[in-house]
Structures are given as C-alpha cells and as structure tokens.
C-alpha atoms as a PDB file:
ATOM      1  CA  MET A   1      14.935  23.107 -73.982  1.00  0.00           C
ATOM      2  CA  GLY A   2      15.139  21.369 -77.257  1.00  0.00           C
ATOM      3  CA  LEU A   3      13.498  18.270 -78.134  1.00  0.00           C
ATOM      4  CA  LEU A   4      17.006  16.267 -78.100  1.00  0.00           C
ATOM      5  CA  ASP A   5      17.709  17.486 -74.704  1.00  0.00           C
ATOM      6  CA  LYS A   6      14.385  16.369 -73.475  1.00  0.00           C
ATOM      7  CA  LEU A   7      14.829  12.945 -74.945  1.00  0.00           C
ATOM      8  CA  SER A   8      18.213  12.684 -73.804  1.00  0.00           C
ATOM      9  CA  GLY A   9      16.878  13.515 -70.302  1.00  0.00           C
ATOM     10  CA  TRP A  10      14.275  11.065 -70.538  1.00  0.00           C
ATOM     11  CA  LEU A  11      16.436   8.438 -71.474  1.00  0.00           C
ATOM     12  CA  GLY A  12      18.906   9.153 -68.863  1.00  0.00           C
ATOM     13  CA  LEU A  13      21.630  10.209 -71.445  1.00  0.00           C
ATOM     14  CA  ARG A  14      22.169  13.856 -70.216  1.00  0.00           C
ATOM     15  CA  LYS A  15      25.710  14.689 -69.189  1.00  0.00           C
ATOM     16  CA  LYS A  16      26.050  14.398 -65.264  1.00  0.00           C
ATOM     17  CA  GLU A  17      27.349  17.434 -63.555  1.00  0.00           C
ATOM     18  CA  VAL A  18      30.228  17.074 -61.234  1.00  0.00           C
ATOM     19  CA  ASN A  19      31.547  19.744 -58.858  1.00  0.00           C
ATOM     20  CA  ILE A  20      35.174  19.442 -57.587  1.00  0.00           C
ATOM     21  CA  LEU A  21      36.785  21.580 -54.951  1.00  0.00           C
ATOM     22  CA  CYS A  22      40.416  22.413 -55.565  1.00  0.00           C
ATOM     23  CA  LEU A  23      41.760  22.978 -52.061  1.00  0.00           C
ATOM     24  CA  GLY A  24      45.240  23.619 -50.262  1.00  0.00           C
ATOM     25  CA  LEU A  25      47.259  26.294 -48.602  1.00  0.00           C
ATOM     26  CA  ASP A  26      48.116  29.295 -50.476  1.00  0.00           C
ATOM     27  CA  ASN A  27      50.875  29.311 -52.861  1.00  0.00           C
ATOM     28  CA  SER A  28      50.633  25.461 -53.396  1.00  0.00           C
ATOM     29  CA  GLY A  29      49.817  25.547 -57.001  1.00  0.00           C
ATOM     30  CA  LYS A  30      46.099  25.077 -57.261  1.00  0.00           C
ATOM     31  CA  THR A  31      45.406  27.597 -59.687  1.00  0.00           C
ATOM     32  CA  THR A  32      48.680  26.779 -61.951  1.00  0.00           C
ATOM     33  CA  ILE A  33      47.232  23.060 -61.939  1.00  0.00           C
ATOM     34  CA  ILE A  34      43.753  24.119 -63.132  1.00  0.00           C
ATOM     35  CA  ASN A  35      45.491  26.380 -65.681  1.00  0.00           C
ATOM     36  CA  GLN A  36      47.618  23.636 -67.145  1.00  0.00           C
ATOM     37  CA  LEU A  37      44.416  21.585 -67.624  1.00  0.00           C
ATOM     38  CA  LYS A  38      42.975  24.302 -69.956  1.00  0.00           C
ATOM     39  CA  PRO A  39      43.589  24.134 -73.702  1.00  0.00           C
ATOM     40  CA  ALA A  40      46.952  25.907 -74.576  1.00  0.00           C
ATOM     41  CA  ASN A  41      45.120  28.670 -76.249  1.00  0.00           C
ATOM     42  CA  THR A  42      43.007  29.543 -73.265  1.00  0.00           C
ATOM     43  CA  GLN A  43      45.850  29.285 -70.686  1.00  0.00           C
ATOM     44  CA  ALA A  44      46.647  32.393 -68.474  1.00  0.00           C
ATOM     45  CA  GLN A  45      50.253  33.713 -69.095  1.00  0.00           C
ATOM     46  CA  GLU A  46      50.449  34.912 -65.502  1.00  0.00           C
ATOM     47  CA  ILE A  47      49.111  33.217 -62.597  1.00  0.00           C
ATOM     48  CA  VAL A  48      48.085  35.553 -59.601  1.00  0.00           C
ATOM     49  CA  PRO A  49      47.096  34.549 -56.200  1.00  0.00           C
ATOM     50  CA  THR A  50      43.313  33.562 -55.848  1.00  0.00           C
ATOM     51  CA  ILE A  51      41.265  35.921 -53.921  1.00  0.00           C
ATOM     52  CA  GLY A  52      38.064  34.187 -52.642  1.00  0.00           C
ATOM     53  CA  PHE A  53      37.355  31.379 -55.441  1.00  0.00           C
ATOM     54  CA  ASN A  54      37.561  30.903 -59.414  1.00  0.00           C
ATOM     55  CA  ILE A  55      35.380  28.720 -61.275  1.00  0.00           C
ATOM     56  CA  GLU A  56      36.587  26.715 -64.277  1.00  0.00           C
ATOM     57  CA  LYS A  57      34.397  24.300 -66.334  1.00  0.00           C
ATOM     58  CA  PHE A  58      35.583  21.156 -68.105  1.00  0.00           C
ATOM     59  CA  LYS A  59      33.620  18.640 -70.152  1.00  0.00           C
ATOM     60  CA  SER A  60      34.405  14.994 -70.934  1.00  0.00           C
ATOM     61  CA  SER A  61      31.966  12.784 -73.180  1.00  0.00           C
ATOM     62  CA  SER A  62      29.640  12.033 -70.349  1.00  0.00           C
ATOM     63  CA  LEU A  63      30.486  14.374 -67.440  1.00  0.00           C
ATOM     64  CA  SER A  64      30.528  18.387 -67.305  1.00  0.00           C
ATOM     65  CA  PHE A  65      32.949  19.241 -64.473  1.00  0.00           C
ATOM     66  CA  THR A  66      32.754  22.441 -62.362  1.00  0.00           C
ATOM     67  CA  VAL A  67      36.220  23.215 -60.389  1.00  0.00           C
ATOM     68  CA  PHE A  68      36.089  25.479 -57.536  1.00  0.00           C
ATOM     69  CA  ASP A  69      39.548  26.751 -57.080  1.00  0.00           C
ATOM     70  CA  MET A  70      39.419  28.197 -53.599  1.00  0.00           C
ATOM     71  CA  SER A  71      41.748  30.602 -52.162  1.00  0.00           C
ATOM     72  CA  GLY A  72      44.201  28.938 -49.575  1.00  0.00           C
ATOM     73  CA  GLN A  73      45.154  32.069 -47.667  1.00  0.00           C
ATOM     74  CA  SER A  74      44.173  31.795 -44.323  1.00  0.00           C
ATOM     75  CA  ARG A  75      41.481  34.369 -44.119  1.00  0.00           C
ATOM     76  CA  TYR A  76      39.450  32.771 -46.997  1.00  0.00           C
ATOM     77  CA  ARG A  77      39.628  29.016 -45.834  1.00  0.00           C
ATOM     78  CA  ASN A  78      36.504  29.413 -43.879  1.00  0.00           C
ATOM     79  CA  LEU A  79      34.819  29.823 -47.270  1.00  0.00           C
ATOM     80  CA  TRP A  80      35.795  26.147 -48.175  1.00  0.00           C
ATOM     81  CA  GLU A  81      32.809  24.614 -46.060  1.00  0.00           C
ATOM     82  CA  HIS A  82      30.245  26.517 -47.997  1.00  0.00           C
ATOM     83  CA  TYR A  83      31.148  24.289 -50.888  1.00  0.00           C
ATOM     84  CA  TYR A  84      31.076  20.999 -49.358  1.00  0.00           C
ATOM     85  CA  LYS A  85      27.429  19.815 -49.743  1.00  0.00           C
ATOM     86  CA  GLU A  86      27.407  20.505 -53.475  1.00  0.00           C
ATOM     87  CA  SER A  87      30.784  18.922 -54.311  1.00  0.00           C
ATOM     88  CA  GLN A  88      31.531  15.110 -55.645  1.00  0.00           C
ATOM     89  CA  ALA A  89      35.133  15.221 -55.496  1.00  0.00           C
ATOM     90  CA  ILE A  90      38.190  17.142 -54.114  1.00  0.00           C
ATOM     91  CA  ILE A  91      41.615  17.965 -55.212  1.00  0.00           C
ATOM     92  CA  PHE A  92      44.035  18.650 -52.372  1.00  0.00           C
ATOM     93  CA  VAL A  93      47.335  20.413 -53.429  1.00  0.00           C
ATOM     94  CA  ILE A  94      50.266  20.386 -51.292  1.00  0.00           C
ATOM     95  CA  ASP A  95      53.541  22.536 -51.696  1.00  0.00           C
ATOM     96  CA  SER A  96      55.902  19.537 -51.294  1.00  0.00           C
ATOM     97  CA  GLY A  97      58.805  21.995 -50.970  1.00  0.00           C
ATOM     98  CA  ASP A  98      57.383  23.764 -48.048  1.00  0.00           C
ATOM     99  CA  LYS A  99      58.327  21.696 -44.958  1.00  0.00           C
ATOM    100  CA  LEU A 100      57.449  24.546 -42.621  1.00  0.00           C
ATOM    101  CA  ARG A 101      53.594  24.450 -43.319  1.00  0.00           C
ATOM    102  CA  MET A 102      53.240  20.821 -43.697  1.00  0.00           C
ATOM    103  CA  VAL A 103      51.553  20.894 -40.194  1.00  0.00           C
ATOM    104  CA  VAL A 104      49.272  23.586 -41.248  1.00  0.00           C
ATOM    105  CA  ALA A 105      48.136  21.638 -44.399  1.00  0.00           C
ATOM    106  CA  LYS A 106      47.455  18.570 -42.348  1.00  0.00           C
ATOM    107  CA  GLU A 107      45.418  20.470 -39.846  1.00  0.00           C
ATOM    108  CA  GLU A 108      43.404  21.836 -42.851  1.00  0.00           C
ATOM    109  CA  LEU A 109      43.225  18.440 -44.291  1.00  0.00           C
ATOM    110  CA  ASP A 110      41.763  17.021 -40.921  1.00  0.00           C
ATOM    111  CA  THR A 111      39.238  19.808 -40.493  1.00  0.00           C
ATOM    112  CA  LEU A 112      38.090  19.125 -44.036  1.00  0.00           C
ATOM    113  CA  LEU A 113      37.939  15.525 -43.760  1.00  0.00           C
ATOM    114  CA  SER A 114      36.024  15.735 -40.291  1.00  0.00           C
ATOM    115  CA  HIS A 115      33.392  18.071 -41.413  1.00  0.00           C
ATOM    116  CA  GLN A 116      30.025  16.955 -41.043  1.00  0.00           C
ATOM    117  CA  ASP A 117      29.362  17.594 -44.897  1.00  0.00           C
ATOM    118  CA  ILE A 118      32.275  15.277 -45.825  1.00  0.00           C
ATOM    119  CA  ARG A 119      33.073  12.870 -43.192  1.00  0.00           C
ATOM    120  CA  SER A 120      29.906  10.449 -43.993  1.00  0.00           C
ATOM    121  CA  ARG A 121      30.447  10.742 -47.977  1.00  0.00           C
ATOM    122  CA  ARG A 122      32.768   8.436 -49.988  1.00  0.00           C
ATOM    123  CA  MET A 123      34.013  11.185 -52.365  1.00  0.00           C
ATOM    124  CA  PRO A 124      37.097  10.597 -54.041  1.00  0.00           C
ATOM    125  CA  VAL A 125      40.062  12.672 -52.912  1.00  0.00           C
ATOM    126  CA  LEU A 126      43.150  13.467 -55.210  1.00  0.00           C
ATOM    127  CA  PHE A 127      46.181  14.732 -53.664  1.00  0.00           C
ATOM    128  CA  PHE A 128      48.867  16.583 -55.668  1.00  0.00           C
ATOM    129  CA  ALA A 129      52.339  16.784 -53.982  1.00  0.00           C
ATOM    130  CA  ASN A 130      53.134  19.681 -56.125  1.00  0.00           C
ATOM    131  CA  LYS A 131      56.484  21.632 -56.928  1.00  0.00           C
ATOM    132  CA  THR A 132      58.543  18.477 -57.058  1.00  0.00           C
ATOM    133  CA  ASP A 133      60.972  20.132 -59.220  1.00  0.00           C
ATOM    134  CA  LEU A 134      62.147  22.271 -56.049  1.00  0.00           C
ATOM    135  CA  GLN A 135      65.427  20.933 -54.929  1.00  0.00           C
ATOM    136  CA  ASP A 136      64.147  20.433 -51.092  1.00  0.00           C
ATOM    137  CA  ALA A 137      60.908  18.853 -52.333  1.00  0.00           C
ATOM    138  CA  MET A 138      59.700  15.854 -50.362  1.00  0.00           C
ATOM    139  CA  SER A 139      58.601  12.697 -52.366  1.00  0.00           C
ATOM    140  CA  SER A 140      54.859  11.971 -52.837  1.00  0.00           C
ATOM    141  CA  VAL A 141      55.346   9.023 -50.131  1.00  0.00           C
ATOM    142  CA  LYS A 142      57.006  11.538 -47.646  1.00  0.00           C
ATOM    143  CA  VAL A 143      54.033  14.053 -48.140  1.00  0.00           C
ATOM    144  CA  SER A 144      51.617  11.064 -47.706  1.00  0.00           C
ATOM    145  CA  GLN A 145      53.347   9.883 -44.611  1.00  0.00           C
ATOM    146  CA  LEU A 146      53.305  13.512 -43.196  1.00  0.00           C
ATOM    147  CA  LEU A 147      49.544  14.072 -43.848  1.00  0.00           C
ATOM    148  CA  CYS A 148      48.907  10.447 -42.418  1.00  0.00           C
ATOM    149  CA  LEU A 149      46.961   9.825 -45.738  1.00  0.00           C
ATOM    150  CA  GLU A 150      47.073   5.928 -44.698  1.00  0.00           C
ATOM    151  CA  ASN A 151      44.613   6.748 -41.985  1.00  0.00           C
ATOM    152  CA  ILE A 152      41.969   7.638 -44.601  1.00  0.00           C
ATOM    153  CA  LYS A 153      39.853   4.445 -44.683  1.00  0.00           C
ATOM    154  CA  ASP A 154      36.300   5.803 -45.651  1.00  0.00           C
ATOM    155  CA  LYS A 155      37.066   7.571 -48.959  1.00  0.00           C
ATOM    156  CA  PRO A 156      39.133   6.523 -52.130  1.00  0.00           C
ATOM    157  CA  TRP A 157      42.133   8.578 -52.438  1.00  0.00           C
ATOM    158  CA  HIS A 158      45.295   8.872 -54.690  1.00  0.00           C
ATOM    159  CA  ILE A 159      48.622  10.963 -54.457  1.00  0.00           C
ATOM    160  CA  CYS A 160      50.592  12.231 -57.427  1.00  0.00           C
ATOM    161  CA  ALA A 161      54.006  13.784 -57.524  1.00  0.00           C
ATOM    162  CA  SER A 162      53.596  16.835 -59.885  1.00  0.00           C
ATOM    163  CA  ASN A 163      55.119  19.952 -61.165  1.00  0.00           C
ATOM    164  CA  ALA A 164      52.264  22.023 -62.263  1.00  0.00           C
ATOM    165  CA  ILE A 165      54.339  24.631 -64.267  1.00  0.00           C
ATOM    166  CA  LYS A 166      55.441  21.832 -66.638  1.00  0.00           C
ATOM    167  CA  GLY A 167      52.335  19.757 -66.221  1.00  0.00           C
ATOM    168  CA  GLU A 168      53.920  16.762 -65.038  1.00  0.00           C
ATOM    169  CA  GLY A 169      52.041  14.508 -62.996  1.00  0.00           C
ATOM    170  CA  LEU A 170      48.790  16.172 -63.732  1.00  0.00           C
ATOM    171  CA  GLN A 171      47.402  13.808 -66.305  1.00  0.00           C
ATOM    172  CA  GLU A 172      47.911  10.611 -63.971  1.00  0.00           C
ATOM    173  CA  GLY A 173      45.764  12.467 -61.240  1.00  0.00           C
ATOM    174  CA  VAL A 174      42.952  13.377 -63.731  1.00  0.00           C
ATOM    175  CA  ASP A 175      42.800  10.090 -64.898  1.00  0.00           C
ATOM    176  CA  TRP A 176      42.554   8.342 -61.567  1.00  0.00           C
ATOM    177  CA  LEU A 177      39.861  11.058 -60.603  1.00  0.00           C
ATOM    178  CA  GLN A 178      37.904  10.353 -63.571  1.00  0.00           C
ATOM    179  CA  GLY A 179      37.900   6.787 -63.157  1.00  0.00           C
ATOM    180  CA  ARG A 180      36.741   7.072 -59.586  1.00  0.00           C
ATOM    181  CA  LEU A 181      33.912   9.259 -60.668  1.00  0.00           C
ATOM    182  CA  SER A 182      32.846   6.527 -63.352  1.00  0.00           C
ATOM    183  CA  PHE A 183      31.999   4.362 -60.607  1.00  0.00           C
ATOM    184  CA  ILE A 184      29.866   6.726 -58.634  1.00  0.00           C
ATOM    185  CA  TYR A 185      28.043   7.457 -61.936  1.00  0.00           C
ATOM    186  CA  GLY A 186      27.820   4.127 -63.271  1.00  0.00           C
ATOM    187  CA  GLY A 187      29.715   3.597 -66.464  1.00  0.00           C
ATOM    188  CA  LEU A 188      32.762   4.611 -67.908  1.00  0.00           C
ATOM    189  CA  PHE A 189      33.300   7.846 -70.003  1.00  0.00           C
ATOM    190  CA  ALA A 190      36.248   9.169 -72.048  1.00  0.00           C
ATOM    191  CA  TYR A 191      39.230  10.719 -70.318  1.00  0.00           C
ATOM    192  CA  THR A 192      39.138  13.479 -72.310  1.00  0.00           C
ATOM    193  CA  TYR A 193      38.179  17.145 -71.274  1.00  0.00           C
ATOM    194  CA  THR A 194      37.701  20.460 -72.884  1.00  0.00           C
ATOM    195  CA  LEU A 195      37.288  23.885 -71.339  1.00  0.00           C
ATOM    196  CA  ILE A 196      33.911  25.358 -71.795  1.00  0.00           C
END
C-alpha cells in the first residue's frame, strides 16, 4: 500500500466498495443489461446463458462496484442466498414478455425479500421490467402490480422499463441506484462509471 493510499484511508477518502447482486429468472436479460453497462470496446458480441455466476467490476468517482450476475436457472437459484450478507443493493430483472413465468418471478422475489439476511436491511432494490420491445410485453406498471411491489415498505425500490439489447431504460435505473447508494455512504458521487 502506497503513502497516498494510506493517507486516503486515514482521511476517509478511500473508495467505498459496493457489492450488487443481479438476480432474476433465466433468460430475463441480466447478463445483457450488465454487458450494456460496459464500455463499448469491452462489450461481448454474443451473450450466452450464465452458469453459476459472473463478476463484473465498475468504478465511479467515489465507489467501486462489484456486480454478481447470478444464474437464474432453477438449479442455480439456491446459490443466490450465499451472496446476500455481503451485498449492499439488488438489481432484479424481469422478462416483461413472459407472462407465464411471472408467478415464478414473484415467488423468487418473495423468497429473496423474506430471507433473514435481507429482510431486516434497507438495501435498495432496482427492478428492470426488461424486453419492453416485445409485442406482448407488459408495462412496468403491470409488472409492478403482478409482483405486488407496492407491498415493499421496508426497502427503497424503483422499477424501470428497459430494452437491454438497445440499452433503453438502463441509465435511468443506474442513476436511481447510485443516488440511493449515495445516501447510504453519505455524500453524492458522480453518475459515471467505467469497467475495471
């Protein structure tokens, strides 16, 4: 550790590290959303289903983000809870064109929010009602109603309509999440981020 790093630490200027879980059912668009947040020159050209989890790191002027992109396949969802304690925020992605699995998404969300490592914490939850470009996609209002988001009283939450392939709606969500995290860490920070 260099002298400037030590001095920054003593003065409380060191970047805070924030762990974010990106959750949702398989094929909801989690990896595509995270890929869109990367600089253009580092984006993957082809997205494949996540097995287990992937980790991406981003930086803002005062925070370092570690995003855990968790697999949404049913056999891997039990891995989610192993990352709850160390997380400061959650991104929950919903396929707004998949009406048949909306019940499953609600069950997983309810299980998540009632888990002992989550329920007593005021961690922000950002919802992306993704795939709004699909012809039969539900609006973010309808997704919010089906998931009963209005019943979440103990956590700040926000829902954004998004089209991850085109990147639409993502910046609104990221700005909201960074704003909420700024309250947690006491002080505003720039809404810019770069992939490490």
